[in-house]
Amino acid sequence: MSRLPLSLAVEDLSAYCRALGRELGESSPGHLKLMNMLARAGGYQNLQHLRAVQAAAARSRRREQVASGAQAVQAQADHRLLERCLNQFDGHGQLMRWPSRRAVQTLALFALWAELPAGQEMAERQVNAQLNRLHRFDDPATLRRTMISCGLLTRRRDGSGYRRVEQAPPAEAQLLIRALRRRRASAPPPGQAEAQGAGQPAS
């Protein structure tokens, strides 16, 4: 007659050992020794080995969750819209012109929104300073007003303070923000490229 294996899942090994120690009574080894014994019985070298294996498994699960989340964003995004919007930004990640299409405008504003400080009230001049470093057509007022109308920015009634509206960006905006941050990180500061080019001998 074949014997069916029985499985036992233990959520907390320490609590399990305490309960087992109470059952064994005076003959029970110490708590740590008992935990090491159970770890070896489970196929591990000792308790430290068990902890290391489980920590590695947890890290692997987190990486899989991050990867699956990135894949989901890629699958949900409108890549044609994303490409159109990326073309509105230069090699330094600055918005070159105000897009004519509303969908592209909104997506581009998410890229600017992402660079504003979170949870911090700003004066108008501070908002302008942030926006001016992110665009090239010298119209922070239009950017501010449209960000407010799109629900990306709030303003006090008296105009004394602005604050970024915290929210989860849509899939296209998440990809755009990442792409522009990579572009800004890899590009030389504005002016440096021109200076380097000016120093090159004419061919």
C-alpha atoms as a PDB file:
ATOM      1  CA  MET A   1       0.000   0.000   0.000  1.00  0.00           C
ATOM      2  CA  SER A   2       1.524   3.297  -1.106  1.00  0.00           C
ATOM      3  CA  ARG A   3       1.803   6.091   1.406  1.00  0.00           C
ATOM      4  CA  LEU A   4       0.485   9.498   0.406  1.00  0.00           C
ATOM      5  CA  PRO A   5       2.880  12.337   1.317  1.00  0.00           C
ATOM      6  CA  LEU A   6       1.500  15.010   3.644  1.00  0.00           C
ATOM      7  CA  SER A   7       2.479  18.637   3.206  1.00  0.00           C
ATOM      8  CA  LEU A   8       2.739  21.196   6.007  1.00  0.00           C
ATOM      9  CA  ALA A   9       3.177  24.903   5.310  1.00  0.00           C
ATOM     10  CA  VAL A  10       4.656  26.938   8.181  1.00  0.00           C
ATOM     11  CA  GLU A  11       4.209  30.703   7.886  1.00  0.00           C
ATOM     12  CA  ASP A  12       6.369  31.592  10.906  1.00  0.00           C
ATOM     13  CA  LEU A  13       9.138  29.141  11.772  1.00  0.00           C
ATOM     14  CA  SER A  14       9.903  30.888  15.068  1.00  0.00           C
ATOM     15  CA  ALA A  15       6.293  30.635  16.276  1.00  0.00           C
ATOM     16  CA  TYR A  16       6.165  27.019  15.102  1.00  0.00           C
ATOM     17  CA  CYS A  17       9.312  26.229  17.112  1.00  0.00           C
ATOM     18  CA  ARG A  18       7.886  27.822  20.237  1.00  0.00           C
ATOM     19  CA  ALA A  19       4.744  25.703  19.928  1.00  0.00           C
ATOM     20  CA  LEU A  20       6.819  22.582  19.287  1.00  0.00           C
ATOM     21  CA  GLY A  21       9.036  23.381  22.277  1.00  0.00           C
ATOM     22  CA  ARG A  22       5.979  23.560  24.519  1.00  0.00           C
ATOM     23  CA  GLU A  23       4.858  20.156  23.241  1.00  0.00           C
ATOM     24  CA  LEU A  24       8.304  18.634  23.898  1.00  0.00           C
ATOM     25  CA  GLY A  25       8.442  20.152  27.358  1.00  0.00           C
ATOM     26  CA  GLU A  26      11.638  19.788  29.371  1.00  0.00           C
ATOM     27  CA  SER A  27      13.202  17.548  26.702  1.00  0.00           C
ATOM     28  CA  SER A  28      13.028  20.338  24.111  1.00  0.00           C
ATOM     29  CA  PRO A  29      16.344  21.791  22.929  1.00  0.00           C
ATOM     30  CA  GLY A  30      16.818  25.561  22.977  1.00  0.00           C
ATOM     31  CA  HIS A  31      14.791  27.733  20.611  1.00  0.00           C
ATOM     32  CA  LEU A  32      17.646  28.511  18.192  1.00  0.00           C
ATOM     33  CA  LYS A  33      18.869  24.921  18.170  1.00  0.00           C
ATOM     34  CA  LEU A  34      15.368  23.696  17.416  1.00  0.00           C
ATOM     35  CA  MET A  35      15.058  26.154  14.526  1.00  0.00           C
ATOM     36  CA  ASN A  36      18.360  24.934  13.091  1.00  0.00           C
ATOM     37  CA  MET A  37      17.197  21.313  13.438  1.00  0.00           C
ATOM     38  CA  LEU A  38      13.973  22.043  11.550  1.00  0.00           C
ATOM     39  CA  ALA A  39      15.873  23.942   8.846  1.00  0.00           C
ATOM     40  CA  ARG A  40      18.197  20.937   8.324  1.00  0.00           C
ATOM     41  CA  ALA A  41      15.178  18.610   8.304  1.00  0.00           C
ATOM     42  CA  GLY A  42      13.768  20.776   5.508  1.00  0.00           C
ATOM     43  CA  GLY A  43      16.880  20.252   3.366  1.00  0.00           C
ATOM     44  CA  TYR A  44      18.856  23.374   4.311  1.00  0.00           C
ATOM     45  CA  GLN A  45      22.344  23.541   5.833  1.00  0.00           C
ATOM     46  CA  ASN A  46      21.115  25.539   8.805  1.00  0.00           C
ATOM     47  CA  LEU A  47      18.796  28.403   9.733  1.00  0.00           C
ATOM     48  CA  GLN A  48      21.092  30.993   8.144  1.00  0.00           C
ATOM     49  CA  HIS A  49      20.987  29.085   4.844  1.00  0.00           C
ATOM     50  CA  LEU A  50      17.182  28.951   4.989  1.00  0.00           C
ATOM     51  CA  ARG A  51      16.999  32.714   5.560  1.00  0.00           C
ATOM     52  CA  ALA A  52      19.404  33.428   2.688  1.00  0.00           C
ATOM     53  CA  VAL A  53      17.427  31.232   0.264  1.00  0.00           C
ATOM     54  CA  GLN A  54      14.121  32.850   1.212  1.00  0.00           C
ATOM     55  CA  ALA A  55      15.579  36.381   0.950  1.00  0.00           C
ATOM     56  CA  ALA A  56      16.866  35.589  -2.555  1.00  0.00           C
ATOM     57  CA  ALA A  57      13.449  34.215  -3.512  1.00  0.00           C
ATOM     58  CA  ALA A  58      11.775  37.407  -2.260  1.00  0.00           C
ATOM     59  CA  ARG A  59      14.174  39.565  -4.320  1.00  0.00           C
ATOM     60  CA  SER A  60      13.441  37.455  -7.384  1.00  0.00           C
ATOM     61  CA  ARG A  61       9.684  37.880  -6.907  1.00  0.00           C
ATOM     62  CA  ARG A  62      10.114  41.663  -6.624  1.00  0.00           C
ATOM     63  CA  ARG A  63      12.131  41.721  -9.865  1.00  0.00           C
ATOM     64  CA  GLU A  64       9.441  39.682 -11.619  1.00  0.00           C
ATOM     65  CA  GLN A  65       6.760  42.077 -10.360  1.00  0.00           C
ATOM     66  CA  VAL A  66       8.727  45.073 -11.652  1.00  0.00           C
ATOM     67  CA  ALA A  67       9.285  43.370 -15.019  1.00  0.00           C
ATOM     68  CA  SER A  68       5.643  42.357 -15.370  1.00  0.00           C
ATOM     69  CA  GLY A  69       4.587  45.901 -14.451  1.00  0.00           C
ATOM     70  CA  ALA A  70       6.884  47.365 -17.123  1.00  0.00           C
ATOM     71  CA  GLN A  71       5.500  44.911 -19.679  1.00  0.00           C
ATOM     72  CA  ALA A  72       1.947  45.900 -18.755  1.00  0.00           C
ATOM     73  CA  VAL A  73       2.783  49.589 -19.257  1.00  0.00           C
ATOM     74  CA  GLN A  74       4.316  48.812 -22.656  1.00  0.00           C
ATOM     75  CA  ALA A  75       1.236  46.830 -23.685  1.00  0.00           C
ATOM     76  CA  GLN A  76      -1.232  49.529 -22.589  1.00  0.00           C
ATOM     77  CA  ALA A  77       0.562  52.499 -24.136  1.00  0.00           C
ATOM     78  CA  ASP A  78      -0.400  54.222 -27.381  1.00  0.00           C
ATOM     79  CA  HIS A  79       3.067  54.093 -28.948  1.00  0.00           C
ATOM     80  CA  ARG A  80       2.113  56.250 -31.929  1.00  0.00           C
ATOM     81  CA  LEU A  81       1.059  59.058 -29.590  1.00  0.00           C
ATOM     82  CA  LEU A  82       4.218  58.518 -27.557  1.00  0.00           C
ATOM     83  CA  GLU A  83       6.402  58.822 -30.664  1.00  0.00           C
ATOM     84  CA  ARG A  84       4.647  62.021 -31.769  1.00  0.00           C
ATOM     85  CA  CYS A  85       5.195  63.532 -28.354  1.00  0.00           C
ATOM     86  CA  LEU A  86       8.852  62.493 -28.123  1.00  0.00           C
ATOM     87  CA  ASN A  87       9.444  64.322 -31.409  1.00  0.00           C
ATOM     88  CA  GLN A  88       8.394  67.567 -29.706  1.00  0.00           C
ATOM     89  CA  PHE A  89      11.420  67.363 -27.355  1.00  0.00           C
ATOM     90  CA  ASP A  90      15.018  68.089 -28.267  1.00  0.00           C
ATOM     91  CA  GLY A  91      18.116  66.088 -27.378  1.00  0.00           C
ATOM     92  CA  HIS A  92      18.250  67.750 -23.952  1.00  0.00           C
ATOM     93  CA  GLY A  93      14.674  66.770 -23.091  1.00  0.00           C
ATOM     94  CA  GLN A  94      13.317  70.309 -23.571  1.00  0.00           C
ATOM     95  CA  LEU A  95       9.940  70.900 -25.195  1.00  0.00           C
ATOM     96  CA  MET A  96      10.764  72.702 -28.455  1.00  0.00           C
ATOM     97  CA  ARG A  97       7.298  73.968 -29.418  1.00  0.00           C
ATOM     98  CA  TRP A  98       3.726  73.979 -28.135  1.00  0.00           C
ATOM     99  CA  PRO A  99       2.056  70.950 -29.819  1.00  0.00           C
ATOM    100  CA  SER A 100      -1.025  71.628 -31.925  1.00  0.00           C
ATOM    101  CA  ARG A 101      -2.860  68.428 -30.948  1.00  0.00           C
ATOM    102  CA  ARG A 102      -4.529  68.392 -27.545  1.00  0.00           C
ATOM    103  CA  ALA A 103      -3.574  64.769 -26.807  1.00  0.00           C
ATOM    104  CA  VAL A 104       0.084  65.533 -27.507  1.00  0.00           C
ATOM    105  CA  GLN A 105      -0.130  68.705 -25.402  1.00  0.00           C
ATOM    106  CA  THR A 106      -1.487  66.793 -22.403  1.00  0.00           C
ATOM    107  CA  LEU A 107       1.106  64.058 -22.723  1.00  0.00           C
ATOM    108  CA  ALA A 108       3.921  66.602 -23.017  1.00  0.00           C
ATOM    109  CA  LEU A 109       2.651  68.382 -19.898  1.00  0.00           C
ATOM    110  CA  PHE A 110       2.918  65.134 -17.925  1.00  0.00           C
ATOM    111  CA  ALA A 111       6.635  65.128 -18.753  1.00  0.00           C
ATOM    112  CA  LEU A 112       6.952  68.652 -17.308  1.00  0.00           C
ATOM    113  CA  TRP A 113       4.723  67.775 -14.332  1.00  0.00           C
ATOM    114  CA  ALA A 114       7.050  64.898 -13.425  1.00  0.00           C
ATOM    115  CA  GLU A 115       9.959  67.324 -12.949  1.00  0.00           C
ATOM    116  CA  LEU A 116       8.094  69.616 -10.545  1.00  0.00           C
ATOM    117  CA  PRO A 117       8.752  68.971  -6.835  1.00  0.00           C
ATOM    118  CA  ALA A 118       6.157  66.721  -5.219  1.00  0.00           C
ATOM    119  CA  GLY A 119       4.267  67.851  -2.122  1.00  0.00           C
ATOM    120  CA  GLN A 120       5.731  71.350  -2.179  1.00  0.00           C
ATOM    121  CA  GLU A 121       3.986  74.686  -2.645  1.00  0.00           C
ATOM    122  CA  MET A 122       5.761  76.990  -5.080  1.00  0.00           C
ATOM    123  CA  ALA A 123       5.497  80.675  -5.857  1.00  0.00           C
ATOM    124  CA  GLU A 124       4.735  81.626  -9.449  1.00  0.00           C
ATOM    125  CA  ARG A 125       8.354  82.608 -10.096  1.00  0.00           C
ATOM    126  CA  GLN A 126       9.487  79.176  -8.887  1.00  0.00           C
ATOM    127  CA  VAL A 127       7.053  77.419 -11.216  1.00  0.00           C
ATOM    128  CA  ASN A 128       8.232  79.611 -14.082  1.00  0.00           C
ATOM    129  CA  ALA A 129      11.871  78.812 -13.305  1.00  0.00           C
ATOM    130  CA  GLN A 130      11.137  75.080 -13.370  1.00  0.00           C
ATOM    131  CA  LEU A 131       9.153  75.293 -16.606  1.00  0.00           C
ATOM    132  CA  ASN A 132      11.687  77.562 -18.316  1.00  0.00           C
ATOM    133  CA  ARG A 133      14.414  74.967 -17.971  1.00  0.00           C
ATOM    134  CA  LEU A 134      12.103  72.377 -19.537  1.00  0.00           C
ATOM    135  CA  HIS A 135      10.917  74.244 -22.652  1.00  0.00           C
ATOM    136  CA  ARG A 136      12.371  76.502 -25.365  1.00  0.00           C
ATOM    137  CA  PHE A 137       9.534  78.724 -26.599  1.00  0.00           C
ATOM    138  CA  ASP A 138       9.437  81.107 -23.623  1.00  0.00           C
ATOM    139  CA  ASP A 139       5.785  80.795 -22.637  1.00  0.00           C
ATOM    140  CA  PRO A 140       5.549  79.481 -19.057  1.00  0.00           C
ATOM    141  CA  ALA A 141       2.163  81.179 -18.615  1.00  0.00           C
ATOM    142  CA  THR A 142       0.531  78.956 -21.247  1.00  0.00           C
ATOM    143  CA  LEU A 143       2.132  75.892 -19.709  1.00  0.00           C
ATOM    144  CA  ARG A 144       0.949  76.865 -16.211  1.00  0.00           C
ATOM    145  CA  ARG A 145      -2.614  77.610 -17.277  1.00  0.00           C
ATOM    146  CA  THR A 146      -2.940  74.420 -19.314  1.00  0.00           C
ATOM    147  CA  MET A 147      -1.484  72.295 -16.523  1.00  0.00           C
ATOM    148  CA  ILE A 148      -4.137  73.720 -14.205  1.00  0.00           C
ATOM    149  CA  SER A 149      -6.938  73.034 -16.698  1.00  0.00           C
ATOM    150  CA  CYS A 150      -5.630  69.460 -17.184  1.00  0.00           C
ATOM    151  CA  GLY A 151      -5.605  68.792 -13.447  1.00  0.00           C
ATOM    152  CA  LEU A 152      -1.816  68.561 -13.173  1.00  0.00           C
ATOM    153  CA  LEU A 153      -1.339  71.728 -11.123  1.00  0.00           C
ATOM    154  CA  THR A 154      -3.420  73.674  -8.607  1.00  0.00           C
ATOM    155  CA  ARG A 155      -3.240  77.365  -7.733  1.00  0.00           C
ATOM    156  CA  ARG A 156      -4.468  79.284  -4.712  1.00  0.00           C
ATOM    157  CA  ARG A 157      -7.313  81.679  -5.437  1.00  0.00           C
ATOM    158  CA  ASP A 158      -5.094  84.656  -4.733  1.00  0.00           C
ATOM    159  CA  GLY A 159      -2.382  83.255  -7.013  1.00  0.00           C
ATOM    160  CA  SER A 160       0.133  83.091  -4.152  1.00  0.00           C
ATOM    161  CA  GLY A 161       0.974  79.403  -4.445  1.00  0.00           C
ATOM    162  CA  TYR A 162       1.028  76.489  -6.862  1.00  0.00           C
ATOM    163  CA  ARG A 163       1.200  72.788  -6.081  1.00  0.00           C
ATOM    164  CA  ARG A 164       1.647  69.676  -8.217  1.00  0.00           C
ATOM    165  CA  VAL A 165      -1.391  67.350  -8.213  1.00  0.00           C
ATOM    166  CA  GLU A 166      -0.184  63.869  -7.263  1.00  0.00           C
ATOM    167  CA  GLN A 167      -1.559  61.121  -9.481  1.00  0.00           C
ATOM    168  CA  ALA A 168      -0.571  58.005 -11.429  1.00  0.00           C
ATOM    169  CA  PRO A 169       0.435  59.034 -14.976  1.00  0.00           C
ATOM    170  CA  PRO A 170      -1.107  57.082 -17.866  1.00  0.00           C
ATOM    171  CA  ALA A 171       0.991  54.411 -19.586  1.00  0.00           C
ATOM    172  CA  GLU A 172       2.217  56.726 -22.381  1.00  0.00           C
ATOM    173  CA  ALA A 173       3.249  59.367 -19.845  1.00  0.00           C
ATOM    174  CA  GLN A 174       5.207  56.835 -17.788  1.00  0.00           C
ATOM    175  CA  LEU A 175       7.178  55.772 -20.873  1.00  0.00           C
ATOM    176  CA  LEU A 176       7.671  59.392 -21.985  1.00  0.00           C
ATOM    177  CA  ILE A 177       8.971  60.447 -18.557  1.00  0.00           C
ATOM    178  CA  ARG A 178      11.482  57.580 -18.523  1.00  0.00           C
ATOM    179  CA  ALA A 179      12.639  58.261 -22.089  1.00  0.00           C
ATOM    180  CA  LEU A 180      13.171  61.976 -21.452  1.00  0.00           C
ATOM    181  CA  ARG A 181      15.046  61.347 -18.209  1.00  0.00           C
ATOM    182  CA  ARG A 182      17.386  59.004 -20.053  1.00  0.00           C
ATOM    183  CA  ARG A 183      17.786  61.640 -22.779  1.00  0.00           C
ATOM    184  CA  ARG A 184      18.596  64.374 -20.250  1.00  0.00           C
ATOM    185  CA  ALA A 185      21.030  62.142 -18.379  1.00  0.00           C
ATOM    186  CA  SER A 186      22.989  61.253 -21.529  1.00  0.00           C
ATOM    187  CA  ALA A 187      23.007  64.713 -23.163  1.00  0.00           C
ATOM    188  CA  PRO A 188      25.673  67.341 -22.377  1.00  0.00           C
ATOM    189  CA  PRO A 189      24.359  70.505 -20.693  1.00  0.00           C
ATOM    190  CA  PRO A 190      22.885  73.050 -23.138  1.00  0.00           C
ATOM    191  CA  GLY A 191      25.663  75.312 -24.366  1.00  0.00           C
ATOM    192  CA  GLN A 192      28.404  72.756 -23.806  1.00  0.00           C
ATOM    193  CA  ALA A 193      27.789  71.078 -27.145  1.00  0.00           C
ATOM    194  CA  GLU A 194      27.800  74.454 -28.893  1.00  0.00           C
ATOM    195  CA  ALA A 195      31.065  75.400 -27.189  1.00  0.00           C
ATOM    196  CA  GLN A 196      32.626  72.107 -28.228  1.00  0.00           C
ATOM    197  CA  GLY A 197      31.411  72.611 -31.784  1.00  0.00           C
ATOM    198  CA  ALA A 198      32.817  76.132 -31.895  1.00  0.00           C
ATOM    199  CA  GLY A 199      36.239  74.812 -30.976  1.00  0.00           C
ATOM    200  CA  GLN A 200      36.333  72.329 -33.844  1.00  0.00           C
ATOM    201  CA  PRO A 201      38.342  73.414 -36.918  1.00  0.00           C
ATOM    202  CA  ALA A 202      36.284  74.095 -40.031  1.00  0.00           C
ATOM    203  CA  SER A 203      36.475  71.348 -42.657  1.00  0.00           C
END
